[in-house]
Amino acid sequence: MKKMENVLELREFMKLKIYKKNIGWLLFSLILIGVDQLSKWYIKANYIYLEKSEVISEFFYITHHKNTGAAWGIFQDATLVLAIISGIVTIGLIVFMLTMEHKMAVISLGIIIAGAIGNFIDRAFFMEVTDFLDFYIFSYDFPIFNIADMCVVIGTILLSIYVLFIFKEEPEKDE
């Protein structure tokens, strides 16, 4: 009985409507991924590890930093596990994005996907993520981050706004 339910659930999943217009937002994701990867390439080519360059005194610096973990340095040296998890989650997000109707949800997911893939590329090919945006906010040395990280945060904020203030559940249909 359980096997039959799983087959029926899979059939329902396969009936998901893919919106072709959302593919354009995946192309937007590719542009963000390109900007992220170019910025990391520039940092690796022009800065030695831990080299710091002042942009705005006592506020913003470019600092070449390497991270083998996740955000704020958690899960250090778990690069392979993080790469596998982020790869699987990203595939799920892409499928989910292609089935979304609302433009804000699609854009939000596209931005998150760009960030996830940007850092996935670093983990998969270099076994570390290059970070370089270094801010001191009211004398607090904020953790160094990159453009992919910004994409994940901005996309998550936009998606949260969508879920909290815009999304409306459709009433269940009686069969």
Protein backbone atom coordinates (compact mmCIF):
# COMPACT_ATOMS: atom_id res chain seq x y z
CA MET A 1 0.00 0.00 0.00
CA LYS A 2 2.82 2.40 0.95
CA LYS A 3 4.62 1.66 -2.33
CA MET A 4 1.48 2.54 -4.30
CA GLU A 5 1.17 5.84 -2.42
CA ASN A 6 4.78 6.68 -3.29
CA VAL A 7 4.13 5.95 -6.97
CA LEU A 8 1.04 8.20 -6.92
CA GLU A 9 3.01 10.98 -5.22
CA LEU A 10 5.74 10.68 -7.86
CA ARG A 11 3.13 10.90 -10.64
CA GLU A 12 1.67 14.04 -9.07
CA PHE A 13 5.18 15.52 -8.83
CA MET A 14 5.81 14.75 -12.51
CA LYS A 15 2.67 16.73 -13.40
CA LEU A 16 4.15 19.95 -12.03
CA LYS A 17 3.72 22.79 -14.46
CA ILE A 18 7.00 24.32 -15.58
CA TYR A 19 6.74 28.00 -16.47
CA LYS A 20 9.04 28.71 -19.41
CA LYS A 21 9.26 32.40 -18.48
CA ASN A 22 11.10 31.35 -15.31
CA ILE A 23 13.97 29.99 -17.39
CA GLY A 24 14.88 33.62 -18.11
CA TRP A 25 15.41 34.14 -14.40
CA LEU A 26 17.81 31.21 -14.41
CA LEU A 27 19.79 33.16 -17.03
CA PHE A 28 19.77 36.10 -14.58
CA SER A 29 21.18 33.66 -12.00
CA LEU A 30 23.98 32.80 -14.46
CA ILE A 31 24.91 36.50 -14.68
CA LEU A 32 25.10 36.74 -10.88
CA ILE A 33 27.20 33.55 -10.77
CA GLY A 34 29.52 35.08 -13.38
CA VAL A 35 29.93 38.29 -11.36
CA ASP A 36 30.64 36.24 -8.22
CA GLN A 37 33.21 34.01 -9.94
CA LEU A 38 34.92 36.93 -11.70
CA SER A 39 35.22 38.84 -8.42
CA LYS A 40 36.74 35.80 -6.69
CA TRP A 41 39.13 35.24 -9.59
CA TYR A 42 40.23 38.90 -9.38
CA ILE A 43 40.88 38.62 -5.64
CA LYS A 44 42.87 35.38 -6.01
CA ALA A 45 44.89 36.83 -8.89
CA ASN A 46 45.68 40.19 -7.27
CA TYR A 47 45.79 39.65 -3.49
CA ILE A 48 47.86 37.27 -1.44
CA TYR A 49 46.07 35.38 1.33
CA LEU A 50 45.01 37.75 4.16
CA GLU A 51 46.17 40.84 2.25
CA LYS A 52 43.95 43.78 3.18
CA SER A 53 43.22 46.88 1.10
CA GLU A 54 41.43 49.87 2.58
CA VAL A 55 38.42 51.13 0.61
CA ILE A 56 36.70 53.30 3.25
CA SER A 57 38.84 53.99 6.31
CA GLU A 58 37.76 52.11 9.45
CA PHE A 59 34.66 50.75 7.66
CA PHE A 60 35.24 48.77 4.44
CA TYR A 61 38.23 46.72 3.29
CA ILE A 62 38.98 44.16 0.61
CA THR A 63 40.61 41.23 2.39
CA HIS A 64 41.55 37.95 0.71
CA HIS A 65 40.23 35.22 2.97
CA LYS A 66 39.61 31.49 2.46
CA ASN A 67 36.79 29.58 4.14
CA THR A 68 36.60 25.79 4.25
CA GLY A 69 33.33 25.87 6.19
CA ALA A 70 29.99 27.64 5.97
CA ALA A 71 28.81 31.10 7.01
CA TRP A 72 30.82 32.77 9.77
CA GLY A 73 33.30 29.91 9.64
CA ILE A 74 31.03 27.23 11.09
CA PHE A 75 31.60 23.63 9.99
CA GLN A 76 35.26 24.29 9.19
CA ASP A 77 36.87 21.66 6.97
CA ALA A 78 33.47 20.22 5.95
CA THR A 79 33.84 21.45 2.37
CA LEU A 80 32.93 18.19 0.64
CA VAL A 81 29.83 17.62 2.78
CA LEU A 82 28.74 21.24 2.28
CA ALA A 83 29.28 20.92 -1.50
CA ILE A 84 27.13 17.78 -1.68
CA ILE A 85 24.34 19.25 0.46
CA SER A 86 24.31 22.57 -1.40
CA GLY A 87 24.30 20.76 -4.76
CA ILE A 88 21.26 18.68 -3.81
CA VAL A 89 19.41 21.65 -2.29
CA THR A 90 20.17 23.78 -5.35
CA ILE A 91 18.67 21.18 -7.70
CA GLY A 92 15.53 21.20 -5.55
CA LEU A 93 15.40 25.00 -5.57
CA ILE A 94 15.71 25.08 -9.37
CA VAL A 95 12.80 22.64 -9.78
CA PHE A 96 10.76 24.62 -7.25
CA MET A 97 11.62 27.91 -8.97
CA LEU A 98 10.56 26.66 -12.40
CA THR A 99 7.12 25.76 -11.01
CA MET A 100 6.45 29.08 -9.24
CA GLU A 101 3.96 31.54 -10.68
CA HIS A 102 4.65 34.70 -8.69
CA LYS A 103 7.45 36.85 -10.07
CA MET A 104 8.84 37.89 -6.67
CA ALA A 105 9.15 34.25 -5.55
CA VAL A 106 10.89 33.35 -8.81
CA ILE A 107 13.34 36.26 -8.58
CA SER A 108 14.06 35.50 -4.91
CA LEU A 109 14.80 31.86 -5.66
CA GLY A 110 16.90 32.83 -8.68
CA ILE A 111 19.08 35.04 -6.50
CA ILE A 112 19.42 32.33 -3.82
CA ILE A 113 20.29 29.77 -6.51
CA ALA A 114 23.00 32.07 -7.89
CA GLY A 115 24.59 32.37 -4.45
CA ALA A 116 24.36 28.65 -3.78
CA ILE A 117 25.95 27.77 -7.11
CA GLY A 118 28.64 30.46 -6.75
CA ASN A 119 29.87 28.97 -3.49
CA PHE A 120 29.27 25.40 -4.73
CA ILE A 121 31.71 26.03 -7.59
CA ASP A 122 34.38 27.13 -5.10
CA ARG A 123 33.81 24.14 -2.84
CA ALA A 124 33.71 21.61 -5.68
CA PHE A 125 36.75 22.88 -7.59
CA PHE A 126 38.95 24.55 -4.94
CA MET A 127 37.79 22.87 -1.69
CA GLU A 128 37.38 26.33 -0.14
CA VAL A 129 35.35 29.49 -0.67
CA THR A 130 37.08 32.80 -1.39
CA ASP A 131 35.72 35.68 0.70
CA PHE A 132 36.85 39.29 0.42
CA LEU A 133 34.23 41.86 1.51
CA ASP A 134 35.37 42.97 4.96
CA PHE A 135 33.31 45.46 7.00
CA TYR A 136 33.87 47.02 10.40
CA ILE A 137 30.49 48.15 11.73
CA PHE A 138 30.76 50.30 14.88
CA SER A 139 34.16 48.71 15.60
CA TYR A 140 32.71 45.19 15.14
CA ASP A 141 34.72 43.19 12.59
CA PHE A 142 31.88 41.59 10.63
CA PRO A 143 32.73 38.17 9.13
CA ILE A 144 34.28 38.46 5.67
CA PHE A 145 31.93 37.41 2.87
CA ASN A 146 31.54 37.39 -0.94
CA ILE A 147 28.98 38.18 -3.63
CA ALA A 148 27.49 34.66 -3.52
CA ASP A 149 26.84 35.13 0.20
CA MET A 150 25.13 38.45 -0.57
CA CYS A 151 22.92 36.70 -3.11
CA VAL A 152 21.82 34.08 -0.58
CA VAL A 153 21.01 36.73 2.04
CA ILE A 154 19.23 39.14 -0.33
CA GLY A 155 17.28 36.32 -1.96
CA THR A 156 16.26 34.93 1.44
CA ILE A 157 15.08 38.36 2.62
CA LEU A 158 13.01 38.80 -0.56
CA LEU A 159 11.59 35.28 -0.26
CA SER A 160 10.69 35.93 3.39
CA ILE A 161 8.85 39.12 2.41
CA TYR A 162 6.99 37.15 -0.26
CA VAL A 163 6.02 34.33 2.12
CA LEU A 164 5.02 36.63 4.99
CA PHE A 165 3.21 39.41 3.14
CA ILE A 166 2.29 38.37 -0.41
CA PHE A 167 1.76 34.60 -0.66
CA LYS A 168 -1.84 33.41 -0.29
CA GLU A 169 -2.62 29.69 -0.04
CA GLU A 170 -5.17 28.47 -2.51
CA PRO A 171 -8.21 26.88 -0.88
CA GLU A 172 -8.22 23.09 -1.13
CA LYS A 173 -10.38 21.71 -3.92
CA ASP A 174 -12.92 19.04 -3.04
CA GLU A 175 -12.72 16.09 -5.37
